[in-house]
Amino acid sequence: PINQDCAQILSANYFEVIAAPSYEEGTVEILKARKNLRI
């Protein structure tokens, strides 16, 4: 599962896709700051 610490790394850099088995509470909101990111 992606946690908030992971989400901070991911949102601070440019990626095309993030794929994980699940996302802990609060992580998706951080990642969605990247509008074109496929989550």
PDB file of all heavy atoms in Angstrom:
ATOM      1  N   PRO A   1       0.820  -1.220   0.000  1.00  0.00           N
ATOM      2  CA  PRO A   1       0.000   0.000   0.000  1.00  0.00           C
ATOM      3  C   PRO A   1       0.853   1.270   0.000  1.00  0.00           C
ATOM      4  O   PRO A   1       1.871   1.352   0.690  1.00  0.00           O
ATOM      5  CB  PRO A   1      -0.808  -0.128   1.302  1.00  0.00           C
ATOM      6  CG  PRO A   1      -0.849  -1.588   1.585  1.00  0.00           C
ATOM      7  CD  PRO A   1       0.463  -2.141   1.115  1.00  0.00           C
ATOM      8  N   ILE A   2       0.421   2.245  -0.768  1.00  0.00           N
ATOM      9  CA  ILE A   2       1.078   3.548  -0.801  1.00  0.00           C
ATOM     10  C   ILE A   2       0.678   4.331   0.449  1.00  0.00           C
ATOM     11  O   ILE A   2      -0.507   4.489   0.741  1.00  0.00           O
ATOM     12  CB  ILE A   2       0.658   4.342  -2.059  1.00  0.00           C
ATOM     13  CG1 ILE A   2       1.241   3.695  -3.320  1.00  0.00           C
ATOM     14  CG2 ILE A   2       1.087   5.799  -1.957  1.00  0.00           C
ATOM     15  CD1 ILE A   2       2.722   3.879  -3.498  1.00  0.00           C
ATOM     16  N   ASN A   3       1.682   4.813   1.205  1.00  0.00           N
ATOM     17  CA  ASN A   3       1.386   5.632   2.380  1.00  0.00           C
ATOM     18  C   ASN A   3       1.656   7.106   2.075  1.00  0.00           C
ATOM     19  O   ASN A   3       2.084   7.456   0.971  1.00  0.00           O
ATOM     20  CB  ASN A   3       2.193   5.153   3.595  1.00  0.00           C
ATOM     21  CG  ASN A   3       3.701   5.172   3.342  1.00  0.00           C
ATOM     22  OD1 ASN A   3       4.232   6.070   2.702  1.00  0.00           O
ATOM     23  ND2 ASN A   3       4.399   4.161   3.870  1.00  0.00           N
ATOM     24  N   GLN A   4       1.417   7.969   3.038  1.00  0.00           N
ATOM     25  CA  GLN A   4       1.539   9.397   2.780  1.00  0.00           C
ATOM     26  C   GLN A   4       2.986   9.805   2.510  1.00  0.00           C
ATOM     27  O   GLN A   4       3.225  10.727   1.713  1.00  0.00           O
ATOM     28  CB  GLN A   4       0.951  10.208   3.939  1.00  0.00           C
ATOM     29  CG  GLN A   4      -0.563  10.086   4.038  1.00  0.00           C
ATOM     30  CD  GLN A   4      -1.185  11.195   4.881  1.00  0.00           C
ATOM     31  OE1 GLN A   4      -0.682  12.290   4.943  1.00  0.00           O
ATOM     32  NE2 GLN A   4      -2.300  10.877   5.524  1.00  0.00           N
ATOM     33  N   ASP A   5       3.952   9.147   3.141  1.00  0.00           N
ATOM     34  CA  ASP A   5       5.352   9.459   2.847  1.00  0.00           C
ATOM     35  C   ASP A   5       5.686   9.144   1.390  1.00  0.00           C
ATOM     36  O   ASP A   5       6.370   9.915   0.707  1.00  0.00           O
ATOM     37  CB  ASP A   5       6.277   8.675   3.778  1.00  0.00           C
ATOM     38  CG  ASP A   5       6.222   9.180   5.211  1.00  0.00           C
ATOM     39  OD1 ASP A   5       5.879  10.369   5.412  1.00  0.00           O
ATOM     40  OD2 ASP A   5       6.521   8.388   6.130  1.00  0.00           O
ATOM     41  N   CYS A   6       5.189   8.009   0.913  1.00  0.00           N
ATOM     42  CA  CYS A   6       5.382   7.658  -0.493  1.00  0.00           C
ATOM     43  C   CYS A   6       4.711   8.687  -1.401  1.00  0.00           C
ATOM     44  O   CYS A   6       5.271   9.105  -2.423  1.00  0.00           O
ATOM     45  CB  CYS A   6       4.795   6.279  -0.782  1.00  0.00           C
ATOM     46  SG  CYS A   6       5.676   4.899  -0.027  1.00  0.00           S
ATOM     47  N   ALA A   7       3.498   9.076  -1.029  1.00  0.00           N
ATOM     48  CA  ALA A   7       2.743  10.034  -1.842  1.00  0.00           C
ATOM     49  C   ALA A   7       3.490  11.352  -1.978  1.00  0.00           C
ATOM     50  O   ALA A   7       3.438  12.002  -3.029  1.00  0.00           O
ATOM     51  CB  ALA A   7       1.358  10.254  -1.247  1.00  0.00           C
ATOM     52  N   GLN A   8       4.202  11.753  -0.934  1.00  0.00           N
ATOM     53  CA  GLN A   8       4.959  13.006  -0.995  1.00  0.00           C
ATOM     54  C   GLN A   8       6.083  12.907  -2.018  1.00  0.00           C
ATOM     55  O   GLN A   8       6.326  13.854  -2.783  1.00  0.00           O
ATOM     56  CB  GLN A   8       5.519  13.359   0.385  1.00  0.00           C
ATOM     57  CG  GLN A   8       4.471  13.681   1.445  1.00  0.00           C
ATOM     58  CD  GLN A   8       3.695  14.955   1.151  1.00  0.00           C
ATOM     59  OE1 GLN A   8       4.075  15.767   0.308  1.00  0.00           O
ATOM     60  NE2 GLN A   8       2.578  15.140   1.859  1.00  0.00           N
ATOM     61  N   ILE A   9       6.783  11.784  -2.047  1.00  0.00           N
ATOM     62  CA  ILE A   9       7.833  11.584  -3.054  1.00  0.00           C
ATOM     63  C   ILE A   9       7.238  11.605  -4.452  1.00  0.00           C
ATOM     64  O   ILE A   9       7.746  12.268  -5.367  1.00  0.00           O
ATOM     65  CB  ILE A   9       8.549  10.237  -2.837  1.00  0.00           C
ATOM     66  CG1 ILE A   9       9.309  10.214  -1.522  1.00  0.00           C
ATOM     67  CG2 ILE A   9       9.519   9.940  -3.995  1.00  0.00           C
ATOM     68  CD1 ILE A   9       9.976   8.883  -1.237  1.00  0.00           C
ATOM     69  N   LEU A  10       6.139  10.888  -4.626  1.00  0.00           N
ATOM     70  CA  LEU A  10       5.532  10.746  -5.942  1.00  0.00           C
ATOM     71  C   LEU A  10       4.984  12.059  -6.464  1.00  0.00           C
ATOM     72  O   LEU A  10       5.137  12.390  -7.644  1.00  0.00           O
ATOM     73  CB  LEU A  10       4.426   9.688  -5.883  1.00  0.00           C
ATOM     74  CG  LEU A  10       4.899   8.270  -5.536  1.00  0.00           C
ATOM     75  CD1 LEU A  10       3.713   7.359  -5.258  1.00  0.00           C
ATOM     76  CD2 LEU A  10       5.756   7.709  -6.659  1.00  0.00           C
ATOM     77  N   SER A  11       4.338  12.831  -5.604  1.00  0.00           N
ATOM     78  CA  SER A  11       3.733  14.091  -6.048  1.00  0.00           C
ATOM     79  C   SER A  11       4.777  15.165  -6.303  1.00  0.00           C
ATOM     80  O   SER A  11       4.531  16.118  -7.041  1.00  0.00           O
ATOM     81  CB  SER A  11       2.720  14.588  -5.009  1.00  0.00           C
ATOM     82  OG  SER A  11       3.363  14.885  -3.784  1.00  0.00           O
ATOM     83  N   ALA A  12       5.963  15.008  -5.716  1.00  0.00           N
ATOM     84  CA  ALA A  12       7.021  16.002  -5.891  1.00  0.00           C
ATOM     85  C   ALA A  12       7.795  15.795  -7.185  1.00  0.00           C
ATOM     86  O   ALA A  12       8.642  16.624  -7.548  1.00  0.00           O
ATOM     87  CB  ALA A  12       7.984  15.955  -4.706  1.00  0.00           C
ATOM     88  N   ASN A  13       7.505  14.702  -7.898  1.00  0.00           N
ATOM     89  CA  ASN A  13       8.222  14.394  -9.126  1.00  0.00           C
ATOM     90  C   ASN A  13       7.242  14.020 -10.230  1.00  0.00           C
ATOM     91  O   ASN A  13       6.074  13.707  -9.957  1.00  0.00           O
ATOM     92  CB  ASN A  13       9.204  13.244  -8.880  1.00  0.00           C
ATOM     93  CG  ASN A  13      10.270  13.604  -7.870  1.00  0.00           C
ATOM     94  OD1 ASN A  13      11.229  14.277  -8.187  1.00  0.00           O
ATOM     95  ND2 ASN A  13      10.090  13.166  -6.620  1.00  0.00           N
ATOM     96  N   TYR A  14       7.718  14.062 -11.465  1.00  0.00           N
ATOM     97  CA  TYR A  14       6.837  13.796 -12.601  1.00  0.00           C
ATOM     98  C   TYR A  14       6.859  12.322 -12.973  1.00  0.00           C
ATOM     99  O   TYR A  14       7.882  11.778 -13.373  1.00  0.00           O
ATOM    100  CB  TYR A  14       7.251  14.639 -13.806  1.00  0.00           C
ATOM    101  CG  TYR A  14       6.528  14.262 -15.072  1.00  0.00           C
ATOM    102  CD1 TYR A  14       5.129  14.278 -15.135  1.00  0.00           C
ATOM    103  CD2 TYR A  14       7.231  13.868 -16.209  1.00  0.00           C
ATOM    104  CE1 TYR A  14       4.462  13.909 -16.292  1.00  0.00           C
ATOM    105  CE2 TYR A  14       6.570  13.517 -17.378  1.00  0.00           C
ATOM    106  CZ  TYR A  14       5.188  13.529 -17.410  1.00  0.00           C
ATOM    107  OH  TYR A  14       4.525  13.161 -18.551  1.00  0.00           O
ATOM    108  N   PHE A  15       5.707  11.673 -12.810  1.00  0.00           N
ATOM    109  CA  PHE A  15       5.518  10.296 -13.248  1.00  0.00           C
ATOM    110  C   PHE A  15       4.255  10.239 -14.110  1.00  0.00           C
ATOM    111  O   PHE A  15       3.354  11.063 -13.974  1.00  0.00           O
ATOM    112  CB  PHE A  15       5.369   9.354 -12.055  1.00  0.00           C
ATOM    113  CG  PHE A  15       6.595   9.282 -11.178  1.00  0.00           C
ATOM    114  CD1 PHE A  15       6.606   9.900  -9.930  1.00  0.00           C
ATOM    115  CD2 PHE A  15       7.726   8.621 -11.599  1.00  0.00           C
ATOM    116  CE1 PHE A  15       7.730   9.849  -9.121  1.00  0.00           C
ATOM    117  CE2 PHE A  15       8.854   8.563 -10.801  1.00  0.00           C
ATOM    118  CZ  PHE A  15       8.866   9.178  -9.556  1.00  0.00           C
ATOM    119  N   GLU A  16       4.196   9.243 -14.973  1.00  0.00           N
ATOM    120  CA  GLU A  16       3.025   9.048 -15.832  1.00  0.00           C
ATOM    121  C   GLU A  16       1.965   8.192 -15.142  1.00  0.00           C
ATOM    122  O   GLU A  16       0.771   8.453 -15.271  1.00  0.00           O
ATOM    123  CB  GLU A  16       3.439   8.376 -17.145  1.00  0.00           C
ATOM    124  CG  GLU A  16       4.202   9.261 -18.106  1.00  0.00           C
ATOM    125  CD  GLU A  16       3.287  10.078 -19.004  1.00  0.00           C
ATOM    126  OE1 GLU A  16       2.087   9.759 -19.075  1.00  0.00           O
ATOM    127  OE2 GLU A  16       3.782  11.043 -19.611  1.00  0.00           O
ATOM    128  N   VAL A  17       2.430   7.171 -14.417  1.00  0.00           N
ATOM    129  CA  VAL A  17       1.511   6.180 -13.844  1.00  0.00           C
ATOM    130  C   VAL A  17       1.993   5.775 -12.453  1.00  0.00           C
ATOM    131  O   VAL A  17       3.193   5.612 -12.235  1.00  0.00           O
ATOM    132  CB  VAL A  17       1.431   4.900 -14.716  1.00  0.00           C
ATOM    133  CG1 VAL A  17       0.357   3.950 -14.188  1.00  0.00           C
ATOM    134  CG2 VAL A  17       1.173   5.233 -16.164  1.00  0.00           C
ATOM    135  N   ILE A  18       1.052   5.611 -11.545  1.00  0.00           N
ATOM    136  CA  ILE A  18       1.316   4.979 -10.248  1.00  0.00           C
ATOM    137  C   ILE A  18       0.382   3.780 -10.146  1.00  0.00           C
ATOM    138  O   ILE A  18      -0.835   3.918 -10.317  1.00  0.00           O
ATOM    139  CB  ILE A  18       1.034   5.925  -9.064  1.00  0.00           C
ATOM    140  CG1 ILE A  18       1.724   7.277  -9.242  1.00  0.00           C
ATOM    141  CG2 ILE A  18       1.438   5.256  -7.751  1.00  0.00           C
ATOM    142  CD1 ILE A  18       3.217   7.234  -9.236  1.00  0.00           C
ATOM    143  N   ALA A  19       0.927   2.606  -9.876  1.00  0.00           N
ATOM    144  CA  ALA A  19       0.102   1.406  -9.706  1.00  0.00           C
ATOM    145  C   ALA A  19       0.465   0.741  -8.394  1.00  0.00           C
ATOM    146  O   ALA A  19       1.635   0.439  -8.133  1.00  0.00           O
ATOM    147  CB  ALA A  19       0.310   0.433 -10.863  1.00  0.00           C
ATOM    148  N   ALA A  20      -0.538   0.514  -7.547  1.00  0.00           N
ATOM    149  CA  ALA A  20      -0.329  -0.071  -6.220  1.00  0.00           C
ATOM    150  C   ALA A  20      -1.520  -0.955  -5.878  1.00  0.00           C
ATOM    151  O   ALA A  20      -2.610  -0.794  -6.439  1.00  0.00           O
ATOM    152  CB  ALA A  20      -0.179   1.038  -5.171  1.00  0.00           C
ATOM    153  N   PRO A  21      -1.340  -1.892  -4.938  1.00  0.00           N
ATOM    154  CA  PRO A  21      -2.479  -2.729  -4.533  1.00  0.00           C
ATOM    155  C   PRO A  21      -3.547  -1.947  -3.780  1.00  0.00           C
ATOM    156  O   PRO A  21      -4.722  -2.307  -3.811  1.00  0.00           O
ATOM    157  CB  PRO A  21      -1.845  -3.806  -3.657  1.00  0.00           C
ATOM    158  CG  PRO A  21      -0.556  -3.220  -3.190  1.00  0.00           C
ATOM    159  CD  PRO A  21      -0.091  -2.326  -4.283  1.00  0.00           C
ATOM    160  N   SER A  22      -3.143  -0.855  -3.087  1.00  0.00           N
ATOM    161  CA  SER A  22      -4.096  -0.018  -2.365  1.00  0.00           C
ATOM    162  C   SER A  22      -3.406   1.281  -1.964  1.00  0.00           C
ATOM    163  O   SER A  22      -2.182   1.420  -2.110  1.00  0.00           O
ATOM    164  CB  SER A  22      -4.646  -0.738  -1.110  1.00  0.00           C
ATOM    165  OG  SER A  22      -3.592  -1.027  -0.215  1.00  0.00           O
ATOM    166  N   TYR A  23      -4.220   2.208  -1.450  1.00  0.00           N
ATOM    167  CA  TYR A  23      -3.717   3.525  -1.046  1.00  0.00           C
ATOM    168  C   TYR A  23      -4.243   3.841   0.352  1.00  0.00           C
ATOM    169  O   TYR A  23      -5.455   3.761   0.594  1.00  0.00           O
ATOM    170  CB  TYR A  23      -4.167   4.602  -2.040  1.00  0.00           C
ATOM    171  CG  TYR A  23      -3.581   4.414  -3.427  1.00  0.00           C
ATOM    172  CD1 TYR A  23      -4.153   3.507  -4.320  1.00  0.00           C
ATOM    173  CD2 TYR A  23      -2.450   5.112  -3.818  1.00  0.00           C
ATOM    174  CE1 TYR A  23      -3.609   3.318  -5.581  1.00  0.00           C
ATOM    175  CE2 TYR A  23      -1.896   4.937  -5.084  1.00  0.00           C
ATOM    176  CZ  TYR A  23      -2.481   4.033  -5.960  1.00  0.00           C
ATOM    177  OH  TYR A  23      -1.935   3.837  -7.204  1.00  0.00           O
ATOM    178  N   GLU A  24      -3.336   4.182   1.246  1.00  0.00           N
ATOM    179  CA  GLU A  24      -3.765   4.518   2.598  1.00  0.00           C
ATOM    180  C   GLU A  24      -4.518   5.853   2.611  1.00  0.00           C
ATOM    181  O   GLU A  24      -4.420   6.656   1.677  1.00  0.00           O
ATOM    182  CB  GLU A  24      -2.551   4.569   3.533  1.00  0.00           C
ATOM    183  CG  GLU A  24      -1.903   3.213   3.742  1.00  0.00           C
ATOM    184  CD  GLU A  24      -0.752   3.247   4.737  1.00  0.00           C
ATOM    185  OE1 GLU A  24      -0.508   4.331   5.320  1.00  0.00           O
ATOM    186  OE2 GLU A  24      -0.110   2.203   4.940  1.00  0.00           O
ATOM    187  N   GLU A  25      -5.280   6.076   3.670  1.00  0.00           N
ATOM    188  CA  GLU A  25      -6.101   7.283   3.783  1.00  0.00           C
ATOM    189  C   GLU A  25      -5.240   8.539   3.626  1.00  0.00           C
ATOM    190  O   GLU A  25      -4.175   8.660   4.224  1.00  0.00           O
ATOM    191  CB  GLU A  25      -6.803   7.301   5.139  1.00  0.00           C
ATOM    192  CG  GLU A  25      -7.800   8.437   5.301  1.00  0.00           C
ATOM    193  CD  GLU A  25      -8.541   8.385   6.630  1.00  0.00           C
ATOM    194  OE1 GLU A  25      -8.362   7.385   7.365  1.00  0.00           O
ATOM    195  OE2 GLU A  25      -9.284   9.337   6.924  1.00  0.00           O
ATOM    196  N   GLY A  26      -5.747   9.453   2.807  1.00  0.00           N
ATOM    197  CA  GLY A  26      -5.079  10.734   2.612  1.00  0.00           C
ATOM    198  C   GLY A  26      -4.067  10.767   1.495  1.00  0.00           C
ATOM    199  O   GLY A  26      -3.607  11.853   1.095  1.00  0.00           O
ATOM    200  N   THR A  27      -3.703   9.608   0.944  1.00  0.00           N
ATOM    201  CA  THR A  27      -2.658   9.589  -0.087  1.00  0.00           C
ATOM    202  C   THR A  27      -3.182  10.007  -1.451  1.00  0.00           C
ATOM    203  O   THR A  27      -2.494  10.713  -2.192  1.00  0.00           O
ATOM    204  CB  THR A  27      -2.024   8.191  -0.197  1.00  0.00           C
ATOM    205  OG1 THR A  27      -3.051   7.239  -0.497  1.00  0.00           O
ATOM    206  CG2 THR A  27      -1.338   7.802   1.081  1.00  0.00           C
ATOM    207  N   VAL A  28      -4.372   9.571  -1.789  1.00  0.00           N
ATOM    208  CA  VAL A  28      -4.914   9.883  -3.116  1.00  0.00           C
ATOM    209  C   VAL A  28      -5.070  11.382  -3.301  1.00  0.00           C
ATOM    210  O   VAL A  28      -4.797  11.931  -4.375  1.00  0.00           O
ATOM    211  CB  VAL A  28      -6.256   9.153  -3.339  1.00  0.00           C
ATOM    212  CG1 VAL A  28      -6.945   9.645  -4.602  1.00  0.00           C
ATOM    213  CG2 VAL A  28      -6.028   7.645  -3.412  1.00  0.00           C
ATOM    214  N   GLU A  29      -5.491  12.073  -2.250  1.00  0.00           N
ATOM    215  CA  GLU A  29      -5.659  13.528  -2.339  1.00  0.00           C
ATOM    216  C   GLU A  29      -4.324  14.204  -2.658  1.00  0.00           C
ATOM    217  O   GLU A  29      -4.277  15.183  -3.420  1.00  0.00           O
ATOM    218  CB  GLU A  29      -6.217  14.079  -1.021  1.00  0.00           C
ATOM    219  CG  GLU A  29      -7.673  13.697  -0.739  1.00  0.00           C
ATOM    220  CD  GLU A  29      -7.867  12.253  -0.337  1.00  0.00           C
ATOM    221  OE1 GLU A  29      -6.868  11.581   0.032  1.00  0.00           O
ATOM    222  OE2 GLU A  29      -9.012  11.762  -0.403  1.00  0.00           O
ATOM    223  N   ILE A  30      -3.238  13.695  -2.094  1.00  0.00           N
ATOM    224  CA  ILE A  30      -1.914  14.254  -2.384  1.00  0.00           C
ATOM    225  C   ILE A  30      -1.539  13.988  -3.845  1.00  0.00           C
ATOM    226  O   ILE A  30      -1.078  14.880  -4.558  1.00  0.00           O
ATOM    227  CB  ILE A  30      -0.858  13.636  -1.444  1.00  0.00           C
ATOM    228  CG1 ILE A  30      -1.160  14.011   0.004  1.00  0.00           C
ATOM    229  CG2 ILE A  30       0.547  14.098  -1.836  1.00  0.00           C
ATOM    230  CD1 ILE A  30      -0.279  13.286   1.025  1.00  0.00           C
ATOM    231  N   LEU A  31      -1.776  12.769  -4.306  1.00  0.00           N
ATOM    232  CA  LEU A  31      -1.387  12.388  -5.659  1.00  0.00           C
ATOM    233  C   LEU A  31      -2.213  13.104  -6.729  1.00  0.00           C
ATOM    234  O   LEU A  31      -1.712  13.412  -7.808  1.00  0.00           O
ATOM    235  CB  LEU A  31      -1.523  10.873  -5.839  1.00  0.00           C
ATOM    236  CG  LEU A  31      -0.584  10.017  -4.989  1.00  0.00           C
ATOM    237  CD1 LEU A  31      -0.923   8.543  -5.143  1.00  0.00           C
ATOM    238  CD2 LEU A  31       0.867  10.265  -5.370  1.00  0.00           C
ATOM    239  N   LYS A  32      -3.480  13.394  -6.419  1.00  0.00           N
ATOM    240  CA  LYS A  32      -4.350  14.027  -7.410  1.00  0.00           C
ATOM    241  C   LYS A  32      -3.959  15.464  -7.729  1.00  0.00           C
ATOM    242  O   LYS A  32      -4.501  16.063  -8.661  1.00  0.00           O
ATOM    243  CB  LYS A  32      -5.808  13.975  -6.939  1.00  0.00           C
ATOM    244  CG  LYS A  32      -6.469  12.623  -7.167  1.00  0.00           C
ATOM    245  CD  LYS A  32      -7.962  12.680  -6.868  1.00  0.00           C
ATOM    246  CE  LYS A  32      -8.647  11.384  -7.255  1.00  0.00           C
ATOM    247  NZ  LYS A  32     -10.117  11.426  -6.998  1.00  0.00           N
ATOM    248  N   ALA A  33      -2.997  15.990  -6.995  1.00  0.00           N
ATOM    249  CA  ALA A  33      -2.478  17.318  -7.355  1.00  0.00           C
ATOM    250  C   ALA A  33      -1.850  17.285  -8.746  1.00  0.00           C
ATOM    251  O   ALA A  33      -1.763  18.312  -9.422  1.00  0.00           O
ATOM    252  CB  ALA A  33      -1.447  17.773  -6.319  1.00  0.00           C
ATOM    253  N   ARG A  34      -1.414  16.108  -9.164  1.00  0.00           N
ATOM    254  CA  ARG A  34      -0.917  15.908 -10.528  1.00  0.00           C
ATOM    255  C   ARG A  34      -2.094  15.476 -11.397  1.00  0.00           C
ATOM    256  O   ARG A  34      -2.488  14.312 -11.419  1.00  0.00           O
ATOM    257  CB  ARG A  34       0.161  14.825 -10.536  1.00  0.00           C
ATOM    258  CG  ARG A  34       1.432  15.208  -9.787  1.00  0.00           C
ATOM    259  CD  ARG A  34       2.330  16.053 -10.651  1.00  0.00           C
ATOM    260  NE  ARG A  34       3.618  16.321 -10.024  1.00  0.00           N
ATOM    261  CZ  ARG A  34       4.612  16.951 -10.640  1.00  0.00           C
ATOM    262  NH1 ARG A  34       4.460  17.350 -11.892  1.00  0.00           N
ATOM    263  NH2 ARG A  34       5.745  17.189 -10.011  1.00  0.00           N
ATOM    264  N   LYS A  35      -2.680  16.419 -12.127  1.00  0.00           N
ATOM    265  CA  LYS A  35      -3.946  16.173 -12.823  1.00  0.00           C
ATOM    266  C   LYS A  35      -3.848  15.113 -13.915  1.00  0.00           C
ATOM    267  O   LYS A  35      -4.823  14.411 -14.194  1.00  0.00           O
ATOM    268  CB  LYS A  35      -4.457  17.488 -13.423  1.00  0.00           C
ATOM    269  CG  LYS A  35      -4.724  18.580 -12.399  1.00  0.00           C
ATOM    270  CD  LYS A  35      -5.780  18.164 -11.395  1.00  0.00           C
ATOM    271  CE  LYS A  35      -6.083  19.288 -10.405  1.00  0.00           C
ATOM    272  NZ  LYS A  35      -7.031  18.859  -9.347  1.00  0.00           N
ATOM    273  N   ASN A  36      -2.706  15.016 -14.568  1.00  0.00           N
ATOM    274  CA  ASN A  36      -2.573  14.064 -15.665  1.00  0.00           C
ATOM    275  C   ASN A  36      -2.030  12.709 -15.235  1.00  0.00           C
ATOM    276  O   ASN A  36      -1.835  11.816 -16.059  1.00  0.00           O
ATOM    277  CB  ASN A  36      -1.673  14.641 -16.762  1.00  0.00           C
ATOM    278  CG  ASN A  36      -2.348  15.777 -17.512  1.00  0.00           C
ATOM    279  OD1 ASN A  36      -3.561  15.759 -17.693  1.00  0.00           O
ATOM    280  ND2 ASN A  36      -1.570  16.755 -17.926  1.00  0.00           N
ATOM    281  N   LEU A  37      -1.773  12.547 -13.947  1.00  0.00           N
ATOM    282  CA  LEU A  37      -1.246  11.285 -13.439  1.00  0.00           C
ATOM    283  C   LEU A  37      -2.305  10.197 -13.482  1.00  0.00           C
ATOM    284  O   LEU A  37      -3.442  10.402 -13.044  1.00  0.00           O
ATOM    285  CB  LEU A  37      -0.760  11.489 -11.998  1.00  0.00           C
ATOM    286  CG  LEU A  37      -0.239  10.262 -11.254  1.00  0.00           C
ATOM    287  CD1 LEU A  37       1.037   9.735 -11.906  1.00  0.00           C
ATOM    288  CD2 LEU A  37       0.006  10.600  -9.788  1.00  0.00           C
ATOM    289  N   ARG A  38      -1.943   9.031 -14.021  1.00  0.00           N
ATOM    290  CA  ARG A  38      -2.832   7.872 -13.946  1.00  0.00           C
ATOM    291  C   ARG A  38      -2.593   7.182 -12.605  1.00  0.00           C
ATOM    292  O   ARG A  38      -1.476   6.705 -12.350  1.00  0.00           O
ATOM    293  CB  ARG A  38      -2.568   6.883 -15.070  1.00  0.00           C
ATOM    294  CG  ARG A  38      -2.954   7.359 -16.467  1.00  0.00           C
ATOM    295  CD  ARG A  38      -1.809   8.015 -17.151  1.00  0.00           C
ATOM    296  NE  ARG A  38      -2.067   8.164 -18.590  1.00  0.00           N
ATOM    297  CZ  ARG A  38      -1.276   8.834 -19.405  1.00  0.00           C
ATOM    298  NH1 ARG A  38      -0.190   9.437 -18.936  1.00  0.00           N
ATOM    299  NH2 ARG A  38      -1.547   8.932 -20.681  1.00  0.00           N
ATOM    300  N   ILE A  39      -3.598   7.119 -11.772  1.00  0.00           N
ATOM    301  CA  ILE A  39      -3.484   6.488 -10.457  1.00  0.00           C
ATOM    302  C   ILE A  39      -4.295   5.193 -10.505  1.00  0.00           C
ATOM    303  O   ILE A  39      -5.528   5.224 -10.586  1.00  0.00           O
ATOM    304  CB  ILE A  39      -4.016   7.400  -9.336  1.00  0.00           C
ATOM    305  CG1 ILE A  39      -3.321   8.767  -9.379  1.00  0.00           C
ATOM    306  CG2 ILE A  39      -3.814   6.749  -7.975  1.00  0.00           C
ATOM    307  CD1 ILE A  39      -3.924   9.787  -8.437  1.00  0.00           C
TER     308      ILE A  39
END
